[in-house]
Amino acid sequence: MTRSAVDSLALSQRLIRVLIRLNQLLGLGIIAMLIMSLVAEEFLFRALGVKSVIDAPLKVASMRMIMVFGILSVPLAHLILTRLLAVVESVPLGPFISANADRVRQMGWGLLGLEALHLAVGSAAAVGSWGGERIPIQWTFSATRWLAALLLFVLARVFDQGTRMREDLEGTV
């Protein structure tokens, strides 16, 4: 393996590890915000731009649901990032192993889960915006992310096939 390939793999590993930590910190931040929304409701929602908690119970409930969806997204992002790290770490040993096919497939399911939560966030924001101020979330549908999940499932199949080919080749030598 060339020196630049080794350097890019090491950089990728460090970057993924940083993203794993940031994801964990984000999860803790959202949990803290949800707890604060229950303990110091008026303070938190005023800071988030809700003028009156009493006059906007649907908006407050929707914002709490969005926080719950954010918390649920953390383990899915963790699954994706840890599986990606394992795939990257396997590259020097030969990436066409059955474990990588499973990892990529799990990443596909994780991404589908994140996209389902993304739809739920958009729905909660729409419901919370009925008859009053809008919840300031800029939600859009993106076919690209759904296609990326599909691509991960196809890539998992490629890893399966590559693993079989590698095993066949090793058996003939």
N, C-alpha and C. Protein backbone atom coordinates (compact mmCIF):
# COMPACT_ATOMS: atom_id res chain seq x y z
N MET A 1 0.84 -1.17 0.00
CA MET A 1 0.00 0.00 0.00
C MET A 1 0.89 1.24 0.00
N THR A 2 0.54 2.23 -0.79
CA THR A 2 1.37 3.43 -0.90
C THR A 2 1.27 4.27 0.38
N ARG A 3 2.26 5.10 0.54
CA ARG A 3 2.33 5.98 1.73
C ARG A 3 1.11 6.90 1.78
N SER A 4 0.69 7.45 0.65
CA SER A 4 -0.47 8.35 0.65
C SER A 4 -1.76 7.60 0.99
N ALA A 5 -1.85 6.33 0.58
CA ALA A 5 -3.04 5.54 0.93
C ALA A 5 -3.08 5.27 2.43
N VAL A 6 -1.92 4.96 3.00
CA VAL A 6 -1.84 4.73 4.44
C VAL A 6 -2.19 6.01 5.20
N ASP A 7 -1.66 7.15 4.74
CA ASP A 7 -1.96 8.43 5.37
C ASP A 7 -3.45 8.75 5.30
N SER A 8 -4.07 8.51 4.15
CA SER A 8 -5.49 8.83 4.01
C SER A 8 -6.35 7.90 4.87
N LEU A 9 -5.93 6.64 5.02
CA LEU A 9 -6.66 5.73 5.91
C LEU A 9 -6.55 6.18 7.36
N ALA A 10 -5.35 6.56 7.77
CA ALA A 10 -5.15 7.03 9.15
C ALA A 10 -5.96 8.30 9.41
N LEU A 11 -5.96 9.20 8.45
CA LEU A 11 -6.75 10.43 8.58
C LEU A 11 -8.24 10.10 8.66
N SER A 12 -8.69 9.18 7.83
CA SER A 12 -10.10 8.77 7.84
C SER A 12 -10.48 8.19 9.20
N GLN A 13 -9.61 7.35 9.74
CA GLN A 13 -9.89 6.75 11.04
C GLN A 13 -10.00 7.81 12.13
N ARG A 14 -9.08 8.77 12.13
CA ARG A 14 -9.13 9.84 13.13
C ARG A 14 -10.39 10.67 12.97
N LEU A 15 -10.74 11.00 11.73
CA LEU A 15 -11.93 11.80 11.47
C LEU A 15 -13.20 11.07 11.93
N ILE A 16 -13.29 9.80 11.64
CA ILE A 16 -14.46 9.02 12.05
C ILE A 16 -14.55 8.95 13.58
N ARG A 17 -13.40 8.78 14.24
CA ARG A 17 -13.40 8.75 15.71
C ARG A 17 -13.87 10.09 16.29
N VAL A 18 -13.46 11.18 15.67
CA VAL A 18 -13.91 12.51 16.10
C VAL A 18 -15.42 12.62 15.89
N LEU A 19 -15.92 12.15 14.76
CA LEU A 19 -17.36 12.21 14.50
C LEU A 19 -18.15 11.36 15.49
N ILE A 20 -17.59 10.23 15.90
CA ILE A 20 -18.26 9.39 16.92
C ILE A 20 -18.38 10.17 18.23
N ARG A 21 -17.31 10.84 18.62
CA ARG A 21 -17.36 11.63 19.87
C ARG A 21 -18.32 12.81 19.75
N LEU A 22 -18.30 13.48 18.61
CA LEU A 22 -19.23 14.60 18.42
C LEU A 22 -20.68 14.13 18.45
N ASN A 23 -20.95 12.98 17.88
CA ASN A 23 -22.29 12.41 17.91
C ASN A 23 -22.73 12.15 19.35
N GLN A 24 -21.81 11.60 20.16
CA GLN A 24 -22.13 11.34 21.56
C GLN A 24 -22.40 12.64 22.31
N LEU A 25 -21.58 13.66 22.06
CA LEU A 25 -21.79 14.95 22.71
C LEU A 25 -23.12 15.59 22.28
N LEU A 26 -23.44 15.46 21.02
CA LEU A 26 -24.71 15.98 20.53
C LEU A 26 -25.87 15.29 21.23
N GLY A 27 -25.76 13.97 21.39
CA GLY A 27 -26.81 13.23 22.09
C GLY A 27 -26.97 13.70 23.52
N LEU A 28 -25.86 13.90 24.21
CA LEU A 28 -25.93 14.41 25.59
C LEU A 28 -26.56 15.80 25.63
N GLY A 29 -26.21 16.63 24.65
CA GLY A 29 -26.79 17.97 24.59
C GLY A 29 -28.30 17.94 24.38
N ILE A 30 -28.76 17.05 23.51
CA ILE A 30 -30.20 16.95 23.27
C ILE A 30 -30.92 16.40 24.49
N ILE A 31 -30.30 15.41 25.17
CA ILE A 31 -30.90 14.90 26.40
C ILE A 31 -31.01 16.00 27.44
N ALA A 32 -29.95 16.79 27.58
CA ALA A 32 -29.97 17.91 28.53
C ALA A 32 -31.07 18.91 28.17
N MET A 33 -31.23 19.17 26.87
CA MET A 33 -32.26 20.11 26.45
C MET A 33 -33.66 19.55 26.74
N LEU A 34 -33.86 18.26 26.52
CA LEU A 34 -35.16 17.66 26.81
C LEU A 34 -35.46 17.72 28.31
N ILE A 35 -34.47 17.40 29.13
CA ILE A 35 -34.67 17.49 30.58
C ILE A 35 -34.97 18.92 30.99
N MET A 36 -34.23 19.85 30.41
CA MET A 36 -34.46 21.26 30.73
C MET A 36 -35.86 21.70 30.30
N SER A 37 -36.36 21.12 29.20
CA SER A 37 -37.69 21.49 28.75
C SER A 37 -38.76 21.04 29.73
N LEU A 38 -38.44 20.06 30.55
CA LEU A 38 -39.38 19.59 31.56
C LEU A 38 -39.20 20.31 32.90
N VAL A 39 -37.96 20.70 33.20
CA VAL A 39 -37.64 21.32 34.48
C VAL A 39 -37.77 22.84 34.42
N ALA A 40 -37.27 23.43 33.36
CA ALA A 40 -37.29 24.89 33.21
C ALA A 40 -37.97 25.23 31.88
N GLU A 41 -39.22 24.78 31.77
CA GLU A 41 -39.96 24.88 30.51
C GLU A 41 -40.00 26.30 29.95
N GLU A 42 -40.45 27.23 30.75
CA GLU A 42 -40.61 28.62 30.29
C GLU A 42 -39.28 29.19 29.79
N PHE A 43 -38.21 28.99 30.56
CA PHE A 43 -36.89 29.50 30.20
C PHE A 43 -36.40 28.92 28.88
N LEU A 44 -36.44 27.60 28.77
CA LEU A 44 -35.90 26.96 27.57
C LEU A 44 -36.68 27.35 26.32
N PHE A 45 -38.00 27.27 26.39
CA PHE A 45 -38.77 27.54 25.18
C PHE A 45 -38.74 29.01 24.79
N ARG A 46 -38.61 29.89 25.77
CA ARG A 46 -38.43 31.30 25.43
C ARG A 46 -37.09 31.47 24.71
N ALA A 47 -36.04 30.77 25.20
CA ALA A 47 -34.72 30.82 24.54
C ALA A 47 -34.80 30.25 23.12
N LEU A 48 -35.69 29.28 22.91
CA LEU A 48 -35.86 28.68 21.58
C LEU A 48 -36.82 29.48 20.69
N GLY A 49 -37.35 30.58 21.21
CA GLY A 49 -38.17 31.46 20.39
C GLY A 49 -39.67 31.29 20.54
N VAL A 50 -40.12 30.50 21.52
CA VAL A 50 -41.56 30.36 21.76
C VAL A 50 -41.96 31.51 22.68
N LYS A 51 -42.87 32.36 22.20
CA LYS A 51 -43.23 33.56 22.96
C LYS A 51 -43.99 33.23 24.24
N SER A 52 -44.91 32.28 24.16
CA SER A 52 -45.69 31.91 25.35
C SER A 52 -45.92 30.40 25.34
N VAL A 53 -45.41 29.73 26.36
CA VAL A 53 -45.57 28.29 26.47
C VAL A 53 -47.04 27.94 26.68
N ILE A 54 -47.74 28.74 27.44
CA ILE A 54 -49.16 28.48 27.75
C ILE A 54 -50.01 28.58 26.49
N ASP A 55 -49.69 29.51 25.60
CA ASP A 55 -50.48 29.71 24.39
C ASP A 55 -50.09 28.77 23.25
N ALA A 56 -49.04 27.97 23.44
CA ALA A 56 -48.56 27.13 22.34
C ALA A 56 -48.27 25.70 22.80
N PRO A 57 -49.25 25.01 23.41
CA PRO A 57 -48.97 23.65 23.91
C PRO A 57 -48.63 22.66 22.79
N LEU A 58 -49.26 22.81 21.63
CA LEU A 58 -48.97 21.91 20.51
C LEU A 58 -47.55 22.12 20.00
N LYS A 59 -47.15 23.38 19.96
CA LYS A 59 -45.79 23.69 19.51
C LYS A 59 -44.75 23.13 20.49
N VAL A 60 -45.01 23.28 21.78
CA VAL A 60 -44.09 22.78 22.81
C VAL A 60 -44.01 21.25 22.73
N ALA A 61 -45.15 20.59 22.60
CA ALA A 61 -45.16 19.12 22.48
C ALA A 61 -44.41 18.67 21.23
N SER A 62 -44.61 19.37 20.13
CA SER A 62 -43.91 19.02 18.89
C SER A 62 -42.41 19.21 19.02
N MET A 63 -42.01 20.28 19.69
CA MET A 63 -40.57 20.52 19.87
C MET A 63 -39.95 19.45 20.77
N ARG A 64 -40.69 19.01 21.77
CA ARG A 64 -40.19 17.91 22.61
C ARG A 64 -40.08 16.62 21.80
N MET A 65 -41.04 16.37 20.94
CA MET A 65 -40.97 15.18 20.08
C MET A 65 -39.75 15.25 19.18
N ILE A 66 -39.46 16.42 18.66
CA ILE A 66 -38.27 16.59 17.81
C ILE A 66 -37.01 16.29 18.62
N MET A 67 -37.00 16.69 19.89
CA MET A 67 -35.85 16.37 20.75
C MET A 67 -35.73 14.85 20.93
N VAL A 68 -36.85 14.18 21.13
CA VAL A 68 -36.83 12.71 21.28
C VAL A 68 -36.31 12.07 19.99
N PHE A 69 -36.77 12.56 18.84
CA PHE A 69 -36.27 12.02 17.57
C PHE A 69 -34.76 12.25 17.44
N GLY A 70 -34.30 13.40 17.92
CA GLY A 70 -32.86 13.68 17.90
C GLY A 70 -32.09 12.70 18.76
N ILE A 71 -32.64 12.38 19.93
CA ILE A 71 -32.00 11.41 20.82
C ILE A 71 -31.98 10.03 20.15
N LEU A 72 -33.08 9.65 19.50
CA LEU A 72 -33.14 8.36 18.82
C LEU A 72 -32.17 8.26 17.64
N SER A 73 -31.82 9.40 17.08
CA SER A 73 -30.90 9.38 15.93
C SER A 73 -29.46 9.10 16.36
N VAL A 74 -29.12 9.37 17.61
CA VAL A 74 -27.74 9.20 18.07
C VAL A 74 -27.27 7.75 17.95
N PRO A 75 -28.03 6.75 18.45
CA PRO A 75 -27.53 5.38 18.29
C PRO A 75 -27.47 4.93 16.82
N LEU A 76 -28.36 5.45 15.99
CA LEU A 76 -28.30 5.10 14.57
C LEU A 76 -27.04 5.68 13.92
N ALA A 77 -26.74 6.93 14.23
CA ALA A 77 -25.50 7.54 13.70
C ALA A 77 -24.28 6.81 14.27
N HIS A 78 -24.36 6.40 15.53
CA HIS A 78 -23.26 5.66 16.14
C HIS A 78 -23.04 4.33 15.41
N LEU A 79 -24.13 3.65 15.11
CA LEU A 79 -24.04 2.39 14.37
C LEU A 79 -23.34 2.61 13.03
N ILE A 80 -23.78 3.63 12.31
CA ILE A 80 -23.19 3.91 10.99
C ILE A 80 -21.70 4.24 11.12
N LEU A 81 -21.37 5.10 12.05
CA LEU A 81 -19.98 5.54 12.18
C LEU A 81 -19.06 4.42 12.67
N THR A 82 -19.51 3.62 13.62
CA THR A 82 -18.65 2.54 14.11
C THR A 82 -18.45 1.46 13.06
N ARG A 83 -19.50 1.18 12.27
CA ARG A 83 -19.35 0.19 11.19
C ARG A 83 -18.43 0.73 10.10
N LEU A 84 -18.55 2.02 9.81
CA LEU A 84 -17.66 2.62 8.82
C LEU A 84 -16.21 2.56 9.29
N LEU A 85 -15.98 2.85 10.57
CA LEU A 85 -14.64 2.77 11.12
C LEU A 85 -14.08 1.36 11.00
N ALA A 86 -14.90 0.36 11.28
CA ALA A 86 -14.45 -1.03 11.17
C ALA A 86 -14.10 -1.38 9.72
N VAL A 87 -14.88 -0.90 8.78
CA VAL A 87 -14.58 -1.16 7.36
C VAL A 87 -13.25 -0.50 6.98
N VAL A 88 -13.08 0.75 7.37
CA VAL A 88 -11.84 1.47 7.05
C VAL A 88 -10.64 0.76 7.69
N GLU A 89 -10.80 0.29 8.93
CA GLU A 89 -9.69 -0.40 9.60
C GLU A 89 -9.35 -1.73 8.94
N SER A 90 -10.30 -2.32 8.23
CA SER A 90 -10.05 -3.61 7.59
C SER A 90 -9.36 -3.49 6.23
N VAL A 91 -9.29 -2.30 5.68
CA VAL A 91 -8.74 -2.12 4.33
C VAL A 91 -7.33 -2.68 4.19
N PRO A 92 -6.40 -2.42 5.11
CA PRO A 92 -5.04 -2.97 4.93
C PRO A 92 -5.01 -4.49 4.91
N LEU A 93 -5.98 -5.14 5.55
CA LEU A 93 -6.00 -6.61 5.61
C LEU A 93 -6.73 -7.23 4.42
N GLY A 94 -7.41 -6.41 3.68
CA GLY A 94 -8.23 -6.89 2.57
C GLY A 94 -9.69 -6.70 2.93
N PRO A 95 -10.35 -5.76 2.31
CA PRO A 95 -11.70 -5.40 2.74
C PRO A 95 -12.78 -6.41 2.36
N PHE A 96 -12.48 -7.35 1.45
CA PHE A 96 -13.51 -8.27 1.01
C PHE A 96 -13.61 -9.45 1.97
N ILE A 97 -14.24 -9.16 3.11
CA ILE A 97 -14.52 -10.17 4.12
C ILE A 97 -16.01 -10.10 4.43
N SER A 98 -16.57 -11.21 4.88
CA SER A 98 -18.02 -11.25 5.11
C SER A 98 -18.45 -10.25 6.18
N ALA A 99 -17.57 -9.99 7.15
CA ALA A 99 -17.92 -9.02 8.20
C ALA A 99 -18.19 -7.64 7.60
N ASN A 100 -17.42 -7.26 6.57
CA ASN A 100 -17.64 -5.95 5.94
C ASN A 100 -18.96 -5.90 5.19
N ALA A 101 -19.34 -6.99 4.57
CA ALA A 101 -20.64 -7.02 3.91
C ALA A 101 -21.74 -6.79 4.94
N ASP A 102 -21.63 -7.44 6.09
CA ASP A 102 -22.61 -7.24 7.17
C ASP A 102 -22.58 -5.80 7.68
N ARG A 103 -21.39 -5.26 7.82
CA ARG A 103 -21.26 -3.88 8.32
C ARG A 103 -21.90 -2.88 7.37
N VAL A 104 -21.65 -3.04 6.09
CA VAL A 104 -22.22 -2.11 5.11
C VAL A 104 -23.74 -2.25 5.08
N ARG A 105 -24.23 -3.48 5.20
CA ARG A 105 -25.68 -3.70 5.25
C ARG A 105 -26.28 -3.01 6.49
N GLN A 106 -25.61 -3.13 7.63
CA GLN A 106 -26.07 -2.47 8.85
C GLN A 106 -26.06 -0.95 8.68
N MET A 107 -25.06 -0.45 7.97
CA MET A 107 -25.03 0.99 7.70
C MET A 107 -26.24 1.41 6.87
N GLY A 108 -26.62 0.57 5.91
CA GLY A 108 -27.81 0.85 5.11
C GLY A 108 -29.06 0.92 5.96
N TRP A 109 -29.22 -0.04 6.88
CA TRP A 109 -30.38 -0.01 7.77
C TRP A 109 -30.34 1.21 8.68
N GLY A 110 -29.15 1.55 9.16
CA GLY A 110 -29.01 2.74 10.01
C GLY A 110 -29.41 4.00 9.27
N LEU A 111 -28.98 4.10 8.02
CA LEU A 111 -29.33 5.28 7.22
C LEU A 111 -30.83 5.33 6.94
N LEU A 112 -31.43 4.18 6.68
CA LEU A 112 -32.89 4.16 6.50
C LEU A 112 -33.59 4.61 7.78
N GLY A 113 -33.08 4.17 8.93
CA GLY A 113 -33.64 4.62 10.21
C GLY A 113 -33.52 6.11 10.40
N LEU A 114 -32.36 6.65 10.06
CA LEU A 114 -32.17 8.11 10.17
C LEU A 114 -33.13 8.86 9.25
N GLU A 115 -33.34 8.33 8.06
CA GLU A 115 -34.26 8.99 7.13
C GLU A 115 -35.70 8.91 7.62
N ALA A 116 -36.07 7.80 8.25
CA ALA A 116 -37.41 7.71 8.83
C ALA A 116 -37.58 8.73 9.95
N LEU A 117 -36.54 8.88 10.77
CA LEU A 117 -36.59 9.91 11.82
C LEU A 117 -36.63 11.31 11.22
N HIS A 118 -35.95 11.50 10.12
CA HIS A 118 -35.96 12.80 9.43
C HIS A 118 -37.39 13.13 8.98
N LEU A 119 -38.10 12.13 8.44
CA LEU A 119 -39.50 12.34 8.06
C LEU A 119 -40.35 12.66 9.29
N ALA A 120 -40.08 11.97 10.40
CA ALA A 120 -40.83 12.22 11.63
C ALA A 120 -40.60 13.64 12.15
N VAL A 121 -39.37 14.11 12.05
CA VAL A 121 -39.07 15.49 12.47
C VAL A 121 -39.84 16.49 11.61
N GLY A 122 -39.85 16.26 10.30
CA GLY A 122 -40.61 17.16 9.41
C GLY A 122 -42.09 17.15 9.74
N SER A 123 -42.62 15.99 10.05
CA SER A 123 -44.03 15.88 10.41
C SER A 123 -44.32 16.59 11.73
N ALA A 124 -43.45 16.38 12.72
CA ALA A 124 -43.64 17.04 14.02
C ALA A 124 -43.54 18.55 13.88
N ALA A 125 -42.63 19.03 13.06
CA ALA A 125 -42.50 20.48 12.85
C ALA A 125 -43.74 21.03 12.17
N ALA A 126 -44.30 20.28 11.21
CA ALA A 126 -45.51 20.74 10.53
C ALA A 126 -46.69 20.78 11.50
N VAL A 127 -46.85 19.75 12.31
CA VAL A 127 -47.95 19.71 13.28
C VAL A 127 -47.79 20.83 14.29
N GLY A 128 -46.59 21.04 14.79
CA GLY A 128 -46.35 22.08 15.78
C GLY A 128 -46.51 23.49 15.24
N SER A 129 -46.52 23.62 13.92
CA SER A 129 -46.66 24.94 13.31
C SER A 129 -48.11 25.28 12.95
N TRP A 130 -49.03 24.36 13.14
CA TRP A 130 -50.44 24.62 12.81
C TRP A 130 -51.00 25.72 13.69
N GLY A 131 -51.64 26.66 13.06
CA GLY A 131 -52.38 27.70 13.77
C GLY A 131 -51.54 28.63 14.61
N GLY A 132 -50.29 28.78 14.32
CA GLY A 132 -49.45 29.68 15.10
C GLY A 132 -48.13 29.91 14.42
N GLU A 133 -47.16 30.28 15.24
CA GLU A 133 -45.81 30.50 14.70
C GLU A 133 -45.24 29.19 14.20
N ARG A 134 -44.46 29.29 13.15
CA ARG A 134 -43.80 28.10 12.61
C ARG A 134 -42.65 27.69 13.52
N ILE A 135 -42.43 26.39 13.60
CA ILE A 135 -41.23 25.89 14.25
C ILE A 135 -40.10 26.08 13.23
N PRO A 136 -39.06 26.80 13.61
CA PRO A 136 -38.04 27.17 12.62
C PRO A 136 -37.10 26.02 12.23
N ILE A 137 -37.67 25.00 11.61
CA ILE A 137 -36.87 23.90 11.09
C ILE A 137 -37.05 23.91 9.58
N GLN A 138 -35.95 23.96 8.89
CA GLN A 138 -36.00 23.96 7.43
C GLN A 138 -35.91 22.52 6.96
N TRP A 139 -37.05 21.86 6.85
CA TRP A 139 -37.11 20.46 6.48
C TRP A 139 -37.38 20.34 5.00
N THR A 140 -36.63 19.47 4.34
CA THR A 140 -36.89 19.18 2.93
C THR A 140 -36.71 17.69 2.70
N PHE A 141 -37.45 17.18 1.75
CA PHE A 141 -37.29 15.79 1.36
C PHE A 141 -36.12 15.71 0.38
N SER A 142 -35.29 14.68 0.54
CA SER A 142 -34.18 14.49 -0.38
C SER A 142 -34.13 13.03 -0.82
N ALA A 143 -34.34 12.81 -2.08
CA ALA A 143 -34.24 11.46 -2.62
C ALA A 143 -32.80 10.96 -2.57
N THR A 144 -31.86 11.87 -2.54
CA THR A 144 -30.44 11.51 -2.54
C THR A 144 -30.09 10.64 -1.33
N ARG A 145 -30.59 11.00 -0.16
CA ARG A 145 -30.28 10.23 1.05
C ARG A 145 -30.90 8.84 0.99
N TRP A 146 -32.11 8.73 0.44
CA TRP A 146 -32.75 7.42 0.29
C TRP A 146 -31.96 6.58 -0.72
N LEU A 147 -31.48 7.23 -1.78
CA LEU A 147 -30.67 6.51 -2.77
C LEU A 147 -29.34 6.07 -2.16
N ALA A 148 -28.79 6.88 -1.25
CA ALA A 148 -27.54 6.51 -0.58
C ALA A 148 -27.75 5.24 0.25
N ALA A 149 -28.91 5.13 0.90
CA ALA A 149 -29.21 3.91 1.66
C ALA A 149 -29.29 2.71 0.72
N LEU A 150 -29.96 2.90 -0.40
CA LEU A 150 -30.05 1.84 -1.41
C LEU A 150 -28.66 1.45 -1.90
N LEU A 151 -27.83 2.44 -2.13
CA LEU A 151 -26.46 2.19 -2.57
C LEU A 151 -25.68 1.35 -1.55
N LEU A 152 -25.92 1.60 -0.26
CA LEU A 152 -25.23 0.81 0.77
C LEU A 152 -25.65 -0.66 0.70
N PHE A 153 -26.93 -0.92 0.42
CA PHE A 153 -27.37 -2.31 0.29
C PHE A 153 -26.74 -2.96 -0.94
N VAL A 154 -26.64 -2.21 -2.02
CA VAL A 154 -25.99 -2.74 -3.23
C VAL A 154 -24.50 -2.98 -2.95
N LEU A 155 -23.87 -2.05 -2.27
CA LEU A 155 -22.45 -2.20 -1.93
C LEU A 155 -22.24 -3.41 -1.01
N ALA A 156 -23.17 -3.66 -0.10
CA ALA A 156 -23.07 -4.85 0.76
C ALA A 156 -23.09 -6.11 -0.09
N ARG A 157 -23.92 -6.11 -1.12
CA ARG A 157 -23.97 -7.27 -2.03
C ARG A 157 -22.64 -7.41 -2.79
N VAL A 158 -22.06 -6.29 -3.18
CA VAL A 158 -20.75 -6.32 -3.85
C VAL A 158 -19.70 -6.90 -2.91
N PHE A 159 -19.73 -6.51 -1.64
CA PHE A 159 -18.79 -7.07 -0.66
C PHE A 159 -19.02 -8.57 -0.49
N ASP A 160 -20.29 -9.00 -0.47
CA ASP A 160 -20.58 -10.44 -0.40
C ASP A 160 -19.95 -11.18 -1.58
N GLN A 161 -20.18 -10.64 -2.77
CA GLN A 161 -19.66 -11.27 -3.99
C GLN A 161 -18.13 -11.24 -3.99
N GLY A 162 -17.53 -10.12 -3.59
CA GLY A 162 -16.07 -10.02 -3.52
C GLY A 162 -15.48 -11.01 -2.53
N THR A 163 -16.19 -11.23 -1.42
CA THR A 163 -15.73 -12.20 -0.42
C THR A 163 -15.74 -13.60 -1.01
N ARG A 164 -16.83 -13.95 -1.71
CA ARG A 164 -16.91 -15.28 -2.34
C ARG A 164 -15.81 -15.46 -3.38
N MET A 165 -15.59 -14.44 -4.19
CA MET A 165 -14.55 -14.54 -5.21
C MET A 165 -13.17 -14.71 -4.58
N ARG A 166 -12.92 -13.97 -3.51
CA ARG A 166 -11.63 -14.06 -2.81
C ARG A 166 -11.45 -15.47 -2.23
N GLU A 167 -12.50 -16.00 -1.60
CA GLU A 167 -12.42 -17.35 -1.03
C GLU A 167 -12.20 -18.40 -2.13
N ASP A 168 -12.88 -18.22 -3.28
CA ASP A 168 -12.69 -19.15 -4.41
C ASP A 168 -11.25 -19.10 -4.91
N LEU A 169 -10.72 -17.89 -5.02
CA LEU A 169 -9.36 -17.71 -5.51
C LEU A 169 -8.36 -18.33 -4.54
N GLU A 170 -8.56 -18.14 -3.24
CA GLU A 170 -7.67 -18.71 -2.25
C GLU A 170 -7.73 -20.24 -2.27
N GLY A 171 -8.91 -20.78 -2.61
CA GLY A 171 -9.08 -22.23 -2.66
C GLY A 171 -8.41 -22.86 -3.86
N THR A 172 -8.20 -22.07 -4.93
CA THR A 172 -7.59 -22.62 -6.13
C THR A 172 -6.08 -22.47 -6.14
N VAL A 173 -5.55 -21.67 -5.29
CA VAL A 173 -4.10 -21.43 -5.26
C VAL A 173 -3.41 -22.42 -4.37
